[in-house]
N, C-alpha and C. Protein backbone atom coordinates (compact mmCIF):
# COMPACT_ATOMS: atom_id res chain seq x y z
N MET A 1 24.25 -67.97 104.35
CA MET A 1 24.62 -68.37 103.02
C MET A 1 25.95 -67.73 102.68
N PRO A 2 26.95 -68.54 102.30
CA PRO A 2 28.24 -67.95 101.95
C PRO A 2 28.13 -67.19 100.63
N LEU A 3 28.92 -66.13 100.52
CA LEU A 3 28.93 -65.37 99.28
C LEU A 3 29.66 -66.15 98.21
N PRO A 4 29.21 -66.04 96.96
CA PRO A 4 29.85 -66.81 95.89
C PRO A 4 31.27 -66.31 95.63
N ALA A 5 32.13 -67.26 95.27
CA ALA A 5 33.49 -66.89 94.89
C ALA A 5 33.42 -66.36 93.47
N SER A 6 34.08 -65.27 93.22
CA SER A 6 34.07 -64.66 91.90
C SER A 6 35.47 -64.76 91.32
N PRO A 7 35.61 -65.34 90.14
CA PRO A 7 36.95 -65.46 89.54
C PRO A 7 37.61 -64.10 89.41
N GLY A 8 38.76 -63.98 90.01
CA GLY A 8 39.56 -62.78 89.85
C GLY A 8 39.13 -61.58 90.68
N ARG A 9 38.09 -61.69 91.45
CA ARG A 9 37.66 -60.53 92.23
C ARG A 9 37.34 -61.00 93.65
N LYS A 10 37.85 -60.29 94.62
CA LYS A 10 37.61 -60.63 96.01
C LYS A 10 36.43 -59.81 96.53
N ILE A 11 35.79 -60.33 97.56
CA ILE A 11 34.68 -59.62 98.19
C ILE A 11 35.14 -58.24 98.63
N SER A 12 36.37 -58.11 99.09
CA SER A 12 36.86 -56.80 99.52
C SER A 12 36.82 -55.79 98.38
N GLY A 13 37.06 -56.23 97.16
CA GLY A 13 36.98 -55.34 96.00
C GLY A 13 35.56 -54.92 95.71
N ILE A 14 34.62 -55.82 95.93
CA ILE A 14 33.21 -55.49 95.72
C ILE A 14 32.76 -54.51 96.80
N TYR A 15 33.17 -54.75 98.05
CA TYR A 15 32.89 -53.80 99.13
C TYR A 15 33.44 -52.41 98.77
N ALA A 16 34.68 -52.37 98.28
CA ALA A 16 35.30 -51.09 97.95
C ALA A 16 34.50 -50.37 96.87
N THR A 17 34.01 -51.10 95.88
CA THR A 17 33.21 -50.48 94.83
C THR A 17 31.90 -49.95 95.39
N LEU A 18 31.25 -50.72 96.27
CA LEU A 18 30.00 -50.26 96.88
C LEU A 18 30.24 -48.99 97.70
N LEU A 19 31.34 -48.93 98.41
CA LEU A 19 31.68 -47.72 99.16
C LEU A 19 31.92 -46.54 98.22
N ASP A 20 32.60 -46.80 97.09
CA ASP A 20 32.81 -45.75 96.09
C ASP A 20 31.47 -45.21 95.59
N LEU A 21 30.53 -46.11 95.36
CA LEU A 21 29.22 -45.70 94.84
C LEU A 21 28.43 -44.86 95.84
N LEU A 22 28.71 -45.04 97.12
CA LEU A 22 28.01 -44.28 98.16
C LEU A 22 28.59 -42.88 98.35
N GLN A 23 29.78 -42.65 97.87
CA GLN A 23 30.45 -41.36 98.09
C GLN A 23 30.46 -40.53 96.81
N PRO A 24 29.95 -39.31 96.86
CA PRO A 24 29.87 -38.48 95.65
C PRO A 24 31.20 -38.33 94.92
N GLU A 25 32.28 -38.16 95.66
CA GLU A 25 33.57 -37.91 95.01
C GLU A 25 34.14 -39.15 94.30
N SER A 26 33.66 -40.33 94.63
CA SER A 26 34.18 -41.54 93.98
C SER A 26 33.09 -42.32 93.23
N PHE A 27 31.93 -41.70 93.05
CA PHE A 27 30.82 -42.38 92.39
C PHE A 27 31.17 -42.80 90.96
N ALA A 28 31.80 -41.93 90.20
CA ALA A 28 32.16 -42.27 88.81
C ALA A 28 33.11 -43.46 88.76
N ALA A 29 34.08 -43.50 89.68
CA ALA A 29 35.01 -44.64 89.73
C ALA A 29 34.25 -45.93 90.07
N GLY A 30 33.30 -45.82 90.98
CA GLY A 30 32.48 -46.99 91.32
C GLY A 30 31.69 -47.48 90.13
N CYS A 31 31.13 -46.56 89.35
CA CYS A 31 30.37 -46.95 88.15
C CYS A 31 31.26 -47.66 87.14
N SER A 32 32.51 -47.18 86.99
CA SER A 32 33.45 -47.83 86.07
C SER A 32 33.73 -49.25 86.52
N ALA A 33 33.96 -49.44 87.80
CA ALA A 33 34.22 -50.78 88.32
C ALA A 33 32.99 -51.67 88.16
N LEU A 34 31.82 -51.13 88.42
CA LEU A 34 30.57 -51.88 88.31
C LEU A 34 30.37 -52.40 86.89
N ALA A 35 30.74 -51.61 85.91
CA ALA A 35 30.57 -52.00 84.51
C ALA A 35 31.39 -53.24 84.16
N SER A 36 32.45 -53.50 84.92
CA SER A 36 33.30 -54.66 84.63
C SER A 36 32.91 -55.91 85.42
N TRP A 37 31.89 -55.83 86.26
CA TRP A 37 31.51 -56.98 87.08
C TRP A 37 30.90 -58.08 86.23
N ASN A 38 31.15 -59.31 86.67
CA ASN A 38 30.49 -60.46 86.04
C ASN A 38 29.25 -60.82 86.88
N ASP A 39 28.54 -61.86 86.48
CA ASP A 39 27.31 -62.24 87.17
C ASP A 39 27.55 -62.56 88.64
N ASP A 40 28.64 -63.24 88.94
CA ASP A 40 28.95 -63.58 90.34
C ASP A 40 29.22 -62.33 91.17
N ASP A 41 29.93 -61.38 90.57
CA ASP A 41 30.19 -60.12 91.28
C ASP A 41 28.89 -59.40 91.60
N ARG A 42 27.99 -59.33 90.61
CA ARG A 42 26.71 -58.64 90.83
C ARG A 42 25.89 -59.36 91.90
N LEU A 43 25.88 -60.69 91.88
CA LEU A 43 25.16 -61.43 92.91
C LEU A 43 25.74 -61.17 94.29
N ALA A 44 27.06 -61.18 94.39
CA ALA A 44 27.70 -60.90 95.67
C ALA A 44 27.37 -59.48 96.13
N ALA A 45 27.38 -58.52 95.20
CA ALA A 45 27.05 -57.14 95.56
C ALA A 45 25.61 -57.03 96.03
N MET A 46 24.69 -57.74 95.39
CA MET A 46 23.30 -57.71 95.81
C MET A 46 23.14 -58.25 97.22
N LEU A 47 23.83 -59.33 97.51
CA LEU A 47 23.77 -59.91 98.86
C LEU A 47 24.36 -58.94 99.89
N LEU A 48 25.46 -58.30 99.54
CA LEU A 48 26.08 -57.34 100.45
C LEU A 48 25.16 -56.13 100.68
N CYS A 49 24.52 -55.67 99.61
CA CYS A 49 23.58 -54.55 99.75
C CYS A 49 22.43 -54.91 100.67
N GLN A 50 21.94 -56.13 100.52
CA GLN A 50 20.83 -56.55 101.38
C GLN A 50 21.29 -56.71 102.83
N MET A 51 22.45 -57.31 103.03
CA MET A 51 22.96 -57.51 104.39
C MET A 51 23.18 -56.20 105.12
N HIS A 52 23.65 -55.19 104.41
CA HIS A 52 24.01 -53.92 105.04
C HIS A 52 22.96 -52.83 104.86
N GLY A 53 21.87 -53.14 104.17
CA GLY A 53 20.77 -52.21 104.03
C GLY A 53 21.09 -50.97 103.20
N ILE A 54 21.99 -51.10 102.22
CA ILE A 54 22.38 -49.92 101.45
C ILE A 54 21.74 -49.85 100.07
N ALA A 55 20.96 -50.84 99.68
CA ALA A 55 20.34 -50.81 98.35
C ALA A 55 19.49 -49.56 98.12
N PRO A 56 18.64 -49.14 99.09
CA PRO A 56 17.86 -47.93 98.85
C PRO A 56 18.72 -46.68 98.65
N LEU A 57 19.80 -46.57 99.40
CA LEU A 57 20.71 -45.42 99.24
C LEU A 57 21.36 -45.43 97.85
N LEU A 58 21.81 -46.62 97.44
CA LEU A 58 22.42 -46.71 96.11
C LEU A 58 21.40 -46.43 95.01
N HIS A 59 20.18 -46.90 95.20
CA HIS A 59 19.13 -46.63 94.20
C HIS A 59 18.96 -45.12 94.00
N THR A 60 18.86 -44.39 95.09
CA THR A 60 18.66 -42.94 94.96
C THR A 60 19.91 -42.27 94.37
N ARG A 61 21.07 -42.80 94.67
CA ARG A 61 22.31 -42.24 94.11
C ARG A 61 22.31 -42.42 92.59
N PHE A 62 21.97 -43.62 92.12
CA PHE A 62 21.94 -43.87 90.67
C PHE A 62 20.83 -43.05 90.00
N LYS A 63 19.69 -42.99 90.63
CA LYS A 63 18.57 -42.24 90.06
C LYS A 63 18.94 -40.76 89.89
N ALA A 64 19.57 -40.20 90.89
CA ALA A 64 19.97 -38.79 90.84
C ALA A 64 21.07 -38.55 89.80
N SER A 65 21.90 -39.56 89.56
CA SER A 65 23.03 -39.38 88.64
C SER A 65 22.60 -39.39 87.18
N GLY A 66 21.48 -40.07 86.89
CA GLY A 66 21.02 -40.16 85.51
C GLY A 66 21.77 -41.16 84.67
N ILE A 67 22.68 -41.93 85.27
CA ILE A 67 23.45 -42.90 84.48
C ILE A 67 23.03 -44.34 84.74
N SER A 68 21.93 -44.51 85.43
CA SER A 68 21.55 -45.87 85.85
C SER A 68 21.31 -46.82 84.69
N THR A 69 21.02 -46.33 83.52
CA THR A 69 20.77 -47.23 82.39
C THR A 69 22.05 -47.63 81.68
N ARG A 70 23.18 -47.03 82.02
CA ARG A 70 24.41 -47.30 81.29
C ARG A 70 25.28 -48.38 81.90
N CYS A 71 25.04 -48.75 83.15
CA CYS A 71 25.91 -49.78 83.73
C CYS A 71 25.10 -50.79 84.53
N ALA A 72 25.34 -52.04 84.26
CA ALA A 72 24.78 -53.17 85.02
C ALA A 72 23.27 -53.05 85.27
N PRO A 73 22.44 -53.13 84.22
CA PRO A 73 21.00 -52.95 84.42
C PRO A 73 20.38 -53.93 85.42
N GLU A 74 20.92 -55.16 85.50
CA GLU A 74 20.37 -56.13 86.46
C GLU A 74 20.58 -55.65 87.89
N PHE A 75 21.74 -55.09 88.16
CA PHE A 75 22.05 -54.59 89.49
C PHE A 75 21.18 -53.36 89.80
N ILE A 76 21.03 -52.48 88.84
CA ILE A 76 20.23 -51.27 89.01
C ILE A 76 18.76 -51.66 89.25
N ASP A 77 18.26 -52.65 88.51
CA ASP A 77 16.89 -53.13 88.71
C ASP A 77 16.71 -53.69 90.11
N TYR A 78 17.73 -54.42 90.58
CA TYR A 78 17.69 -54.98 91.93
C TYR A 78 17.59 -53.85 92.97
N LEU A 79 18.39 -52.81 92.79
CA LEU A 79 18.36 -51.68 93.73
C LEU A 79 16.98 -51.03 93.74
N ALA A 80 16.38 -50.87 92.56
CA ALA A 80 15.04 -50.27 92.47
C ALA A 80 14.01 -51.14 93.16
N THR A 81 14.11 -52.44 93.00
CA THR A 81 13.18 -53.37 93.64
C THR A 81 13.31 -53.29 95.16
N GLN A 82 14.54 -53.25 95.64
CA GLN A 82 14.77 -53.15 97.08
C GLN A 82 14.26 -51.83 97.63
N TYR A 83 14.46 -50.76 96.89
CA TYR A 83 13.94 -49.46 97.31
C TYR A 83 12.41 -49.51 97.42
N GLY A 84 11.76 -50.10 96.41
CA GLY A 84 10.30 -50.22 96.43
C GLY A 84 9.81 -51.03 97.62
N ALA A 85 10.51 -52.13 97.90
CA ALA A 85 10.14 -52.96 99.05
C ALA A 85 10.31 -52.19 100.36
N CYS A 86 11.40 -51.43 100.48
CA CYS A 86 11.63 -50.64 101.70
C CYS A 86 10.57 -49.55 101.82
N LYS A 87 10.17 -48.96 100.71
CA LYS A 87 9.15 -47.91 100.74
C LYS A 87 7.82 -48.48 101.22
N SER A 88 7.43 -49.65 100.68
CA SER A 88 6.18 -50.30 101.12
C SER A 88 6.24 -50.67 102.59
N ARG A 89 7.38 -51.23 103.01
CA ARG A 89 7.54 -51.63 104.41
C ARG A 89 7.51 -50.41 105.33
N ALA A 90 8.16 -49.32 104.93
CA ALA A 90 8.17 -48.10 105.74
C ALA A 90 6.76 -47.54 105.88
N ARG A 91 5.99 -47.60 104.81
CA ARG A 91 4.61 -47.11 104.87
C ARG A 91 3.79 -47.95 105.85
N ARG A 92 3.94 -49.28 105.76
CA ARG A 92 3.19 -50.18 106.65
C ARG A 92 3.63 -50.00 108.11
N ILE A 93 4.93 -49.89 108.33
CA ILE A 93 5.43 -49.70 109.69
C ILE A 93 4.93 -48.37 110.25
N SER A 94 4.90 -47.34 109.43
CA SER A 94 4.40 -46.04 109.87
C SER A 94 2.93 -46.13 110.29
N GLU A 95 2.13 -46.87 109.52
CA GLU A 95 0.72 -47.05 109.87
C GLU A 95 0.58 -47.78 111.21
N ILE A 96 1.33 -48.86 111.37
CA ILE A 96 1.28 -49.62 112.62
C ILE A 96 1.78 -48.77 113.77
N GLN A 97 2.85 -48.03 113.54
CA GLN A 97 3.42 -47.16 114.59
C GLN A 97 2.37 -46.16 115.07
N GLN A 98 1.65 -45.55 114.14
CA GLN A 98 0.61 -44.57 114.51
C GLN A 98 -0.49 -45.24 115.34
N GLN A 99 -0.91 -46.42 114.91
CA GLN A 99 -1.96 -47.14 115.63
C GLN A 99 -1.47 -47.63 116.99
N LEU A 100 -0.19 -47.87 117.09
CA LEU A 100 0.39 -48.33 118.36
C LEU A 100 0.57 -47.17 119.34
N THR A 101 1.00 -46.03 118.85
CA THR A 101 1.30 -44.91 119.75
C THR A 101 0.08 -44.08 120.14
N GLN A 102 -0.92 -44.03 119.29
CA GLN A 102 -2.07 -43.16 119.54
C GLN A 102 -2.79 -43.47 120.85
N PRO A 103 -3.07 -44.74 121.16
CA PRO A 103 -3.74 -45.02 122.44
C PRO A 103 -2.93 -44.58 123.66
N PHE A 104 -1.61 -44.63 123.57
CA PHE A 104 -0.77 -44.16 124.67
C PHE A 104 -0.89 -42.65 124.80
N ALA A 105 -0.87 -41.95 123.67
CA ALA A 105 -1.00 -40.49 123.69
C ALA A 105 -2.39 -40.09 124.20
N ASP A 106 -3.43 -40.79 123.74
CA ASP A 106 -4.80 -40.47 124.16
C ASP A 106 -4.98 -40.63 125.66
N ASP A 107 -4.28 -41.61 126.23
CA ASP A 107 -4.41 -41.89 127.66
C ASP A 107 -3.31 -41.20 128.48
N ASN A 108 -2.51 -40.33 127.82
CA ASN A 108 -1.43 -39.60 128.46
C ASN A 108 -0.44 -40.54 129.15
N ARG A 109 -0.07 -41.60 128.45
CA ARG A 109 0.91 -42.55 128.97
C ARG A 109 2.17 -42.51 128.11
N ASP A 110 3.30 -42.83 128.73
CA ASP A 110 4.58 -42.78 128.03
C ASP A 110 4.78 -44.00 127.14
N LEU A 111 5.22 -43.73 125.91
CA LEU A 111 5.69 -44.76 124.99
C LEU A 111 6.80 -44.09 124.20
N LEU A 112 8.00 -44.64 124.27
CA LEU A 112 9.16 -44.06 123.61
C LEU A 112 9.54 -44.93 122.43
N LEU A 113 9.57 -44.32 121.23
CA LEU A 113 10.03 -45.02 120.04
C LEU A 113 11.55 -45.08 120.09
N LEU A 114 12.11 -46.22 119.74
CA LEU A 114 13.56 -46.42 119.78
C LEU A 114 14.09 -46.78 118.39
N LYS A 115 15.36 -46.65 118.24
CA LYS A 115 16.12 -47.09 117.08
C LYS A 115 15.52 -46.57 115.77
N GLY A 116 15.21 -47.46 114.84
CA GLY A 116 14.78 -47.04 113.50
C GLY A 116 13.61 -46.10 113.45
N CYS A 117 12.58 -46.38 114.23
CA CYS A 117 11.39 -45.51 114.21
C CYS A 117 11.73 -44.09 114.63
N GLN A 118 12.57 -43.94 115.59
CA GLN A 118 12.99 -42.61 116.04
C GLN A 118 13.85 -41.94 114.98
N LEU A 119 14.75 -42.70 114.37
CA LEU A 119 15.64 -42.15 113.36
C LEU A 119 14.89 -41.72 112.10
N LEU A 120 13.84 -42.45 111.75
CA LEU A 120 13.12 -42.12 110.52
C LEU A 120 12.66 -40.67 110.50
N SER A 121 12.04 -40.25 111.56
CA SER A 121 11.51 -38.89 111.58
C SER A 121 12.59 -37.85 111.82
N ALA A 122 13.67 -38.24 112.45
CA ALA A 122 14.70 -37.27 112.81
C ALA A 122 15.81 -37.12 111.76
N CYS A 123 16.08 -38.18 111.00
CA CYS A 123 17.29 -38.18 110.17
C CYS A 123 17.09 -38.44 108.68
N TYR A 124 15.99 -39.03 108.29
CA TYR A 124 15.84 -39.47 106.91
C TYR A 124 14.78 -38.66 106.17
N PRO A 125 15.16 -38.00 105.07
CA PRO A 125 14.17 -37.25 104.29
C PRO A 125 13.18 -38.18 103.58
N ASP A 126 13.61 -39.40 103.34
CA ASP A 126 12.78 -40.41 102.68
C ASP A 126 12.83 -41.68 103.53
N PRO A 127 11.71 -42.06 104.15
CA PRO A 127 11.71 -43.24 105.03
C PRO A 127 12.18 -44.53 104.35
N ALA A 128 12.07 -44.60 103.02
CA ALA A 128 12.49 -45.81 102.31
C ALA A 128 14.01 -45.99 102.31
N LEU A 129 14.75 -44.97 102.70
CA LEU A 129 16.21 -45.07 102.70
C LEU A 129 16.74 -45.90 103.86
N ARG A 130 15.91 -46.16 104.87
CA ARG A 130 16.34 -46.95 106.01
C ARG A 130 15.52 -48.22 106.09
N PRO A 131 16.12 -49.35 105.66
CA PRO A 131 15.37 -50.60 105.77
C PRO A 131 15.00 -50.89 107.22
N MET A 132 13.75 -51.31 107.41
CA MET A 132 13.26 -51.63 108.74
C MET A 132 12.37 -52.85 108.66
N ALA A 133 12.30 -53.56 109.76
CA ALA A 133 11.41 -54.72 109.82
C ALA A 133 10.61 -54.76 111.11
N ASP A 134 10.88 -53.81 112.01
CA ASP A 134 10.19 -53.87 113.30
C ASP A 134 10.02 -52.48 113.89
N ILE A 135 9.30 -52.44 114.99
CA ILE A 135 9.10 -51.20 115.74
C ILE A 135 9.56 -51.48 117.16
N ASP A 136 10.56 -50.74 117.59
CA ASP A 136 11.07 -50.90 118.95
C ASP A 136 10.52 -49.79 119.83
N VAL A 137 9.94 -50.19 120.95
CA VAL A 137 9.36 -49.21 121.88
C VAL A 137 9.81 -49.52 123.30
N LEU A 138 9.76 -48.49 124.11
CA LEU A 138 10.04 -48.63 125.54
C LEU A 138 8.82 -48.08 126.27
N ILE A 139 8.29 -48.87 127.20
CA ILE A 139 7.13 -48.44 127.99
C ILE A 139 7.42 -48.69 129.46
N ARG A 140 6.63 -48.05 130.30
CA ARG A 140 6.70 -48.33 131.73
C ARG A 140 6.00 -49.67 131.98
N ALA A 141 6.49 -50.40 132.96
CA ALA A 141 5.93 -51.73 133.26
C ALA A 141 4.43 -51.67 133.52
N GLU A 142 3.97 -50.60 134.16
CA GLU A 142 2.53 -50.51 134.47
C GLU A 142 1.67 -50.28 133.21
N ASN A 143 2.31 -49.96 132.09
CA ASN A 143 1.56 -49.77 130.85
C ASN A 143 1.50 -51.03 129.98
N ARG A 144 2.04 -52.11 130.50
CA ARG A 144 2.05 -53.37 129.74
C ARG A 144 0.64 -53.82 129.34
N PRO A 145 -0.37 -53.74 130.23
CA PRO A 145 -1.72 -54.15 129.80
C PRO A 145 -2.25 -53.34 128.61
N LEU A 146 -1.94 -52.05 128.57
CA LEU A 146 -2.37 -51.24 127.42
C LEU A 146 -1.65 -51.70 126.16
N LEU A 147 -0.36 -51.96 126.26
CA LEU A 147 0.39 -52.45 125.10
C LEU A 147 -0.19 -53.77 124.60
N GLU A 148 -0.50 -54.66 125.51
CA GLU A 148 -1.07 -55.95 125.12
C GLU A 148 -2.43 -55.77 124.45
N ALA A 149 -3.25 -54.86 124.94
CA ALA A 149 -4.55 -54.61 124.33
C ALA A 149 -4.39 -54.03 122.93
N VAL A 150 -3.45 -53.11 122.77
CA VAL A 150 -3.22 -52.48 121.46
C VAL A 150 -2.65 -53.50 120.47
N THR A 151 -1.67 -54.28 120.89
CA THR A 151 -1.09 -55.26 119.98
C THR A 151 -2.12 -56.31 119.58
N ASP A 152 -2.98 -56.69 120.52
CA ASP A 152 -4.05 -57.64 120.20
C ASP A 152 -5.00 -57.05 119.17
N ARG A 153 -5.38 -55.80 119.35
CA ARG A 153 -6.28 -55.12 118.42
C ARG A 153 -5.65 -54.99 117.03
N LEU A 154 -4.32 -54.86 116.97
CA LEU A 154 -3.61 -54.74 115.71
C LEU A 154 -3.33 -56.09 115.06
N GLY A 155 -3.71 -57.16 115.73
CA GLY A 155 -3.46 -58.49 115.18
C GLY A 155 -2.05 -58.99 115.38
N LEU A 156 -1.33 -58.38 116.33
CA LEU A 156 0.03 -58.82 116.64
C LEU A 156 -0.05 -59.88 117.73
N ARG A 157 0.76 -60.90 117.57
CA ARG A 157 0.74 -61.99 118.54
C ARG A 157 2.09 -62.09 119.24
N LEU A 158 2.04 -62.45 120.53
CA LEU A 158 3.26 -62.62 121.30
C LEU A 158 4.09 -63.74 120.69
N TYR A 159 5.35 -63.43 120.39
CA TYR A 159 6.26 -64.41 119.79
C TYR A 159 7.24 -64.95 120.83
N SER A 160 7.83 -64.03 121.59
CA SER A 160 8.75 -64.47 122.64
C SER A 160 8.74 -63.44 123.76
N GLU A 161 9.12 -63.92 124.95
CA GLU A 161 9.11 -63.04 126.11
C GLU A 161 10.25 -63.41 127.02
N THR A 162 10.91 -62.38 127.54
CA THR A 162 11.98 -62.56 128.53
C THR A 162 11.69 -61.61 129.67
N ALA A 163 12.52 -61.64 130.68
CA ALA A 163 12.36 -60.71 131.80
C ALA A 163 12.57 -59.27 131.34
N ASP A 164 13.30 -59.08 130.24
CA ASP A 164 13.61 -57.73 129.76
C ASP A 164 12.62 -57.19 128.73
N GLY A 165 11.79 -58.03 128.14
CA GLY A 165 10.88 -57.52 127.13
C GLY A 165 10.14 -58.62 126.39
N ALA A 166 9.40 -58.20 125.38
CA ALA A 166 8.59 -59.13 124.61
C ALA A 166 8.68 -58.77 123.13
N SER A 167 8.49 -59.77 122.28
CA SER A 167 8.46 -59.57 120.84
C SER A 167 7.11 -60.02 120.32
N TYR A 168 6.51 -59.16 119.49
CA TYR A 168 5.22 -59.47 118.88
C TYR A 168 5.41 -59.51 117.37
N LEU A 169 4.69 -60.39 116.72
CA LEU A 169 4.73 -60.50 115.26
C LEU A 169 3.33 -60.41 114.69
N THR A 170 3.25 -60.07 113.41
CA THR A 170 1.95 -60.09 112.75
C THR A 170 1.48 -61.54 112.63
N SER A 171 0.20 -61.71 112.47
CA SER A 171 -0.34 -63.06 112.31
C SER A 171 0.26 -63.75 111.10
N ALA A 172 0.47 -63.00 110.01
CA ALA A 172 1.05 -63.58 108.80
C ALA A 172 2.46 -64.08 109.07
N ALA A 173 3.25 -63.32 109.80
CA ALA A 173 4.61 -63.76 110.13
C ALA A 173 4.56 -64.97 111.05
N MET A 174 3.65 -64.98 111.99
CA MET A 174 3.53 -66.12 112.90
C MET A 174 3.16 -67.38 112.15
N SER A 175 2.27 -67.29 111.17
CA SER A 175 1.87 -68.51 110.44
C SER A 175 3.05 -69.07 109.66
N GLY A 176 3.94 -68.18 109.15
CA GLY A 176 5.14 -68.66 108.48
C GLY A 176 6.07 -69.39 109.42
N ILE A 177 6.17 -68.91 110.66
CA ILE A 177 7.03 -69.56 111.66
C ILE A 177 6.41 -70.88 112.11
N GLU A 178 5.10 -70.87 112.33
CA GLU A 178 4.44 -72.09 112.81
C GLU A 178 4.44 -73.17 111.75
N ASP A 179 4.44 -72.79 110.45
CA ASP A 179 4.44 -73.77 109.38
C ASP A 179 5.81 -74.36 109.14
N ALA A 180 6.84 -73.69 109.62
CA ALA A 180 8.22 -74.15 109.36
C ALA A 180 8.57 -75.35 110.20
């Protein structure tokens, strides 16, 4: 979906404001710019936040600043909604991750968490700050039957498979794909 054209403001200016809002030393300047945005600017900013996964970070920045009620309440509400969605998703992914990894640990088999799941525990004080939609793992080829048994027990279904790996989705996600 193309970003909307905003009269008098370029996407690069909206990006610059979002970057200002992420940096403590330029946060006040970002808030000033945000206060002058029109509806198209706010919509473009919301799309950019979603594309780049920065809405949860911005939400916590505004919450900590105490000024979230003074500028662009629609944008601030959007950030809060995105933070809540990321928090719910992180909780669900954490539950699935535990159920996925425990059988490997119980059987003393290797399963390595990759990318977001690994970063969550190592780098983020609040798991909701890192938007996630999946769990990436690396296993030994001989452990594939255990992975298949665990994913089946969790209600995950094979979505695609290549020589390099496989993708599993929840039944709910699969029904959305099959209905499309």
